[in-house]
Amino acid sequence: MGLLGEALSRPGVRGALWRAWYPFFSRRIAGRGVDFLNYAFDPLDGVRPSLDDQDEAWRHNVQLYAHVAGSAALRGRRVLEVSCGHGGGASWIARTFSPEAYVGLDLNPEAVRHCGSRHRLPGLSFVQGDAQDLPFADASFDVVLNVEASHCYPDFPGFVDQVARVLKSGGLFLHADLRHAGGVPEWVGTISRHPRLRLEAMRLITPEVLRGMEAVSDRHAALVRECLPWPLKGLGRDFAGVRGSLTHRALAAGDLDYRSFRLVRS
């Protein structure tokens, strides 16, 4: 959930920070039922998915998953979500689209424990693992999903290679994330020029993410205020993307670029 400044452009700094931050944050909010860590999404066209009561409280977070994966044919397919966070998206997709199997992978052991206790559904499982070294055999999945996480990875091209490896021929890579404006050409180039993946669709969704972020800002600000110690509150507000934070201002100014992608494995 967020980019914390230009220092994170250095892979070693970025990787070390996220490895420490995510387990810490998960422990601080343990017991509060926080199942989503993404910024959120509010469609400009006003077309919103119908949700049941358990999902309605997280509507704007769910809507990002609906945008990224909702148009894919997932019924009866094997799906991997890389960096599943607290598993809210995995649970919603598993209940809504009935994949044969849905595996959520995350590097954060606290998140995996949270997922295992909160989201118990047939065919849904969670494992600890590294996005840069996926612990699965070649051609294991029909769909790989990756939402708002890859900006944390020290080696994004290496991650994309891993996705191509575990996808079956004809499988889908559904990806959404954000980058500083200066890093967008490299990001898009890595995806669009990959020898085993064909880019079918790319969409700039910064306005929808900004609207979603603002819709959940008060809830996220309260969570930061209640759960983090004073020295980390500023960092927490940026991580959560609350209104007026560095991340929120950068998105609004166009200094951050948020996009979604759909690719097919050749």
Protein backbone atom coordinates (compact mmCIF):
# COMPACT_ATOMS: atom_id res chain seq x y z
CA MET A 1 0.00 0.00 0.00
CA GLY A 2 2.21 2.88 -0.99
CA LEU A 3 5.53 4.29 -2.10
CA LEU A 4 7.58 5.94 0.61
CA GLY A 5 9.83 8.24 -1.34
CA GLU A 6 12.62 8.21 -3.82
CA ALA A 7 14.85 6.23 -1.44
CA LEU A 8 12.76 3.20 -2.31
CA SER A 9 14.10 3.32 -5.86
CA ARG A 10 17.12 1.46 -4.47
CA PRO A 11 16.22 -2.26 -4.49
CA GLY A 12 18.14 -3.18 -1.34
CA VAL A 13 16.55 -0.40 0.71
CA ARG A 14 13.11 -1.16 -0.68
CA GLY A 15 13.28 -4.88 0.02
CA ALA A 16 14.61 -4.47 3.55
CA LEU A 17 12.01 -1.87 4.47
CA TRP A 18 9.04 -3.87 3.24
CA ARG A 19 10.28 -7.09 4.86
CA ALA A 20 10.28 -5.29 8.21
CA TRP A 21 7.24 -3.06 7.76
CA TYR A 22 4.53 -5.49 6.67
CA PRO A 23 4.86 -8.00 9.55
CA PHE A 24 5.06 -5.09 12.00
CA PHE A 25 1.92 -3.49 10.58
CA SER A 26 0.04 -6.81 10.55
CA ARG A 27 0.86 -7.35 14.22
CA ARG A 28 -0.26 -3.83 15.13
CA ILE A 29 -3.69 -4.27 13.54
CA ALA A 30 -4.17 -7.89 14.61
CA GLY A 31 -7.69 -8.56 15.82
CA ARG A 32 -9.26 -5.61 14.00
CA GLY A 33 -10.53 -7.62 11.05
CA VAL A 34 -8.54 -5.70 8.43
CA ASP A 35 -8.68 -7.94 5.36
CA PHE A 36 -7.57 -5.44 2.68
CA LEU A 37 -4.37 -3.44 2.35
CA ASN A 38 -4.95 -1.87 -1.09
CA TYR A 39 -5.80 1.79 -1.61
CA ALA A 40 -9.25 1.16 -3.15
CA PHE A 41 -11.07 2.00 -6.38
CA ASP A 42 -14.22 3.94 -7.22
CA PRO A 43 -15.30 3.62 -10.88
CA LEU A 44 -15.92 6.83 -12.77
CA ASP A 45 -18.80 5.30 -14.74
CA GLY A 46 -20.73 4.50 -11.55
CA VAL A 47 -21.03 0.78 -12.41
CA ARG A 48 -20.36 -1.07 -9.17
CA PRO A 49 -20.57 -4.78 -8.30
CA SER A 50 -23.37 -6.10 -6.15
CA LEU A 51 -21.91 -7.19 -2.80
CA ASP A 52 -23.22 -9.15 0.15
CA ASP A 53 -23.15 -7.79 3.68
CA GLN A 54 -19.71 -9.17 4.61
CA ASP A 55 -18.10 -7.41 1.66
CA GLU A 56 -20.04 -4.15 1.66
CA ALA A 57 -17.91 -2.64 4.44
CA TRP A 58 -14.88 -3.09 2.17
CA ARG A 59 -16.64 -2.06 -1.03
CA HIS A 60 -14.00 0.32 -2.36
CA ASN A 61 -11.20 -2.19 -1.74
CA VAL A 62 -13.21 -5.00 -3.34
CA GLN A 63 -13.86 -2.80 -6.36
CA LEU A 64 -10.16 -2.76 -7.22
CA TYR A 65 -10.22 -6.56 -7.38
CA ALA A 66 -13.42 -6.43 -9.40
CA HIS A 67 -11.75 -4.11 -11.90
CA VAL A 68 -8.59 -6.19 -12.22
CA ALA A 69 -10.09 -9.70 -12.24
CA GLY A 70 -13.84 -9.37 -12.66
CA SER A 71 -13.90 -9.73 -16.44
CA ALA A 72 -11.72 -12.87 -16.51
CA ALA A 73 -13.27 -16.33 -16.73
CA LEU A 74 -12.12 -17.79 -13.39
CA ARG A 75 -14.68 -20.53 -12.79
CA GLY A 76 -13.02 -23.92 -12.60
CA ARG A 77 -9.52 -22.50 -13.10
CA ARG A 78 -6.39 -22.57 -10.96
CA VAL A 79 -5.55 -19.06 -9.71
CA LEU A 80 -2.46 -17.77 -7.93
CA GLU A 81 -2.44 -14.40 -6.21
CA VAL A 82 1.09 -13.17 -5.58
CA SER A 83 1.31 -10.90 -2.52
CA CYS A 84 -2.23 -11.56 -1.31
CA GLY A 85 -1.88 -9.38 1.79
CA HIS A 86 -4.59 -10.07 4.35
CA GLY A 87 -6.59 -12.16 1.92
CA GLY A 88 -9.76 -10.13 1.50
CA GLY A 89 -9.47 -10.11 -2.28
CA ALA A 90 -8.70 -13.82 -2.37
CA SER A 91 -11.77 -14.60 -0.28
CA TRP A 92 -14.06 -12.41 -2.40
CA ILE A 93 -12.84 -13.89 -5.69
CA ALA A 94 -13.06 -17.47 -4.36
CA ARG A 95 -16.65 -16.92 -3.20
CA THR A 96 -17.76 -14.92 -6.22
CA PHE A 97 -16.14 -16.62 -9.22
CA SER A 98 -15.71 -20.26 -8.05
CA PRO A 99 -12.20 -21.07 -9.27
CA GLU A 100 -11.16 -24.71 -8.90
CA ALA A 101 -8.31 -23.62 -6.64
CA TYR A 102 -7.10 -20.24 -5.40
CA VAL A 103 -3.66 -19.98 -3.81
CA GLY A 104 -2.68 -16.79 -2.03
CA LEU A 105 1.06 -16.30 -1.54
CA ASP A 106 2.67 -13.64 0.63
CA LEU A 107 6.15 -13.02 2.02
CA ASN A 108 4.72 -11.70 5.30
CA PRO A 109 4.25 -14.59 7.77
CA GLU A 110 1.85 -12.53 9.90
CA ALA A 111 -0.38 -11.96 6.87
CA VAL A 112 -0.37 -15.67 6.01
CA ARG A 113 -1.39 -16.51 9.58
CA HIS A 114 -4.16 -13.92 9.39
CA CYS A 115 -5.41 -15.38 6.11
CA GLY A 116 -5.39 -18.92 7.43
CA SER A 117 -7.53 -18.01 10.42
CA ARG A 118 -9.89 -15.57 8.68
CA HIS A 119 -10.56 -17.09 5.25
CA ARG A 120 -11.50 -20.75 5.36
CA LEU A 121 -13.15 -21.82 2.14
CA PRO A 122 -13.04 -24.95 -0.03
CA GLY A 123 -10.25 -24.64 -2.59
CA LEU A 124 -8.73 -21.56 -0.97
CA SER A 125 -5.25 -21.87 0.55
CA PHE A 126 -2.43 -19.59 1.63
CA VAL A 127 1.33 -20.12 1.64
CA GLN A 128 4.34 -18.06 2.63
CA GLY A 129 6.71 -17.43 -0.25
CA ASP A 130 8.73 -14.94 -2.24
CA ALA A 131 7.34 -13.28 -5.38
CA GLN A 132 10.87 -13.36 -6.79
CA ASP A 133 11.14 -17.14 -6.42
CA LEU A 134 7.66 -18.66 -6.71
CA PRO A 135 7.57 -22.11 -5.06
CA PHE A 136 5.48 -23.74 -7.79
CA ALA A 137 6.17 -25.97 -10.77
CA ASP A 138 6.19 -24.66 -14.32
CA ALA A 139 2.74 -24.22 -15.92
CA SER A 140 0.90 -24.67 -12.61
CA PHE A 141 -1.76 -21.98 -12.96
CA ASP A 142 -4.34 -20.67 -15.40
CA VAL A 143 -4.32 -17.17 -13.90
CA VAL A 144 -1.79 -15.15 -11.89
CA LEU A 145 -3.11 -12.08 -10.07
CA ASN A 146 -0.93 -9.33 -8.60
CA VAL A 147 -2.53 -6.25 -7.04
CA GLU A 148 -0.68 -3.22 -5.68
CA ALA A 149 2.43 -5.05 -4.53
CA SER A 150 5.12 -5.17 -7.20
CA HIS A 151 6.50 -1.72 -6.38
CA CYS A 152 7.94 -3.43 -3.29
CA TYR A 153 9.89 -6.03 -5.28
CA PRO A 154 13.66 -5.52 -5.68
CA ASP A 155 13.64 -7.18 -9.13
CA PHE A 156 10.41 -6.57 -11.05
CA PRO A 157 11.66 -8.13 -14.34
CA GLY A 158 12.62 -11.25 -12.39
CA PHE A 159 9.12 -11.39 -10.92
CA VAL A 160 7.55 -11.18 -14.39
CA ASP A 161 9.80 -14.05 -15.51
CA GLN A 162 8.48 -16.09 -12.58
CA VAL A 163 4.89 -15.31 -13.54
CA ALA A 164 5.51 -16.44 -17.12
CA ARG A 165 7.12 -19.64 -15.81
CA VAL A 166 4.21 -20.74 -13.58
CA LEU A 167 1.49 -19.79 -16.08
CA LYS A 168 0.07 -22.35 -18.49
CA SER A 169 0.07 -21.53 -22.19
CA GLY A 170 -2.90 -19.26 -22.79
CA GLY A 171 -3.04 -18.31 -19.12
CA LEU A 172 -3.70 -14.77 -17.87
CA PHE A 173 -1.53 -12.38 -15.91
CA LEU A 174 -3.76 -9.75 -14.25
CA HIS A 175 -1.70 -6.96 -12.73
CA ALA A 176 -2.33 -3.55 -11.14
CA ASP A 177 0.09 -1.25 -9.38
CA LEU A 178 1.61 2.22 -9.22
CA ARG A 179 4.97 3.80 -10.07
CA HIS A 180 6.59 7.19 -9.91
CA ALA A 181 6.04 8.88 -13.27
CA GLY A 182 9.70 8.60 -14.18
CA GLY A 183 9.63 4.84 -13.73
CA VAL A 184 6.58 4.19 -15.87
CA PRO A 185 8.41 3.62 -19.21
CA GLU A 186 10.62 0.93 -17.67
CA TRP A 187 7.65 -0.70 -15.90
CA VAL A 188 5.46 -0.77 -19.01
CA GLY A 189 8.38 -1.81 -21.19
CA THR A 190 9.22 -4.76 -18.97
CA ILE A 191 5.66 -6.01 -19.30
CA SER A 192 4.93 -5.19 -22.93
CA ARG A 193 8.19 -6.55 -24.33
CA HIS A 194 8.33 -9.80 -22.39
CA PRO A 195 9.00 -12.67 -24.85
CA ARG A 196 6.43 -15.03 -23.30
CA LEU A 197 3.64 -12.60 -22.44
CA ARG A 198 1.37 -10.66 -24.80
CA LEU A 199 -0.15 -7.42 -23.55
CA GLU A 200 -3.88 -7.40 -24.30
CA ALA A 201 -4.98 -4.36 -22.32
CA MET A 202 -3.50 -1.56 -20.25
CA ARG A 203 -5.48 1.20 -18.55
CA LEU A 204 -4.56 4.25 -16.51
CA ILE A 205 -6.73 4.08 -13.39
CA THR A 206 -5.21 6.83 -11.25
CA PRO A 207 -8.50 8.83 -11.10
CA GLU A 208 -10.50 5.81 -9.90
CA VAL A 209 -7.89 4.86 -7.33
CA LEU A 210 -7.71 8.44 -6.06
CA ARG A 211 -11.51 8.52 -5.65
CA GLY A 212 -11.42 5.20 -3.80
CA MET A 213 -8.57 6.36 -1.60
CA GLU A 214 -10.53 9.44 -0.60
CA ALA A 215 -13.65 7.39 0.12
CA VAL A 216 -11.81 5.23 2.69
CA SER A 217 -9.48 7.95 4.00
CA ASP A 218 -11.26 8.49 7.31
CA ARG A 219 -11.22 4.77 8.15
CA HIS A 220 -7.55 4.42 7.26
CA ALA A 221 -6.63 7.56 9.21
CA ALA A 222 -8.41 6.20 12.30
CA LEU A 223 -6.56 2.90 11.98
CA VAL A 224 -3.20 4.68 11.83
CA ARG A 225 -4.14 6.92 14.76
CA GLU A 226 -5.25 4.01 16.94
CA CYS A 227 -2.65 1.37 16.06
CA LEU A 228 0.70 3.02 15.42
CA PRO A 229 3.06 4.73 17.88
CA TRP A 230 3.56 8.46 17.49
CA PRO A 231 6.96 8.30 15.67
CA LEU A 232 5.42 6.13 12.93
CA LYS A 233 2.13 7.90 12.39
CA GLY A 234 3.40 9.99 9.48
CA LEU A 235 4.83 6.91 7.80
CA GLY A 236 1.55 5.09 8.46
CA ARG A 237 -0.54 7.85 6.89
CA ASP A 238 1.57 7.68 3.74
CA PHE A 239 1.40 3.88 3.71
CA ALA A 240 -2.39 4.06 4.03
CA GLY A 241 -2.74 6.85 1.48
CA VAL A 242 -4.94 9.03 3.69
CA ARG A 243 -6.09 12.39 2.37
CA GLY A 244 -3.21 14.89 2.41
CA SER A 245 -0.47 12.25 2.74
CA LEU A 246 2.56 12.23 0.45
CA THR A 247 1.11 9.36 -1.54
CA HIS A 248 -2.31 10.98 -1.90
CA ARG A 249 -0.78 14.27 -3.03
CA ALA A 250 1.55 12.54 -5.49
CA LEU A 251 -1.33 10.67 -7.13
CA ALA A 252 -3.41 13.84 -7.33
CA ALA A 253 -0.49 15.75 -8.90
CA GLY A 254 0.29 13.03 -11.44
CA ASP A 255 3.68 12.26 -9.88
CA LEU A 256 2.44 8.72 -9.27
CA ASP A 257 0.86 6.66 -12.02
CA TYR A 258 -1.54 3.77 -11.27
CA ARG A 259 -2.31 1.26 -14.06
CA SER A 260 -3.96 -2.08 -14.64
CA PHE A 261 -2.80 -4.71 -17.15
CA ARG A 262 -4.08 -7.90 -18.74
CA LEU A 263 -1.53 -10.20 -20.40
CA VAL A 264 -1.72 -13.65 -22.01
CA ARG A 265 0.96 -16.31 -21.78
CA SER A 266 2.05 -17.43 -25.26
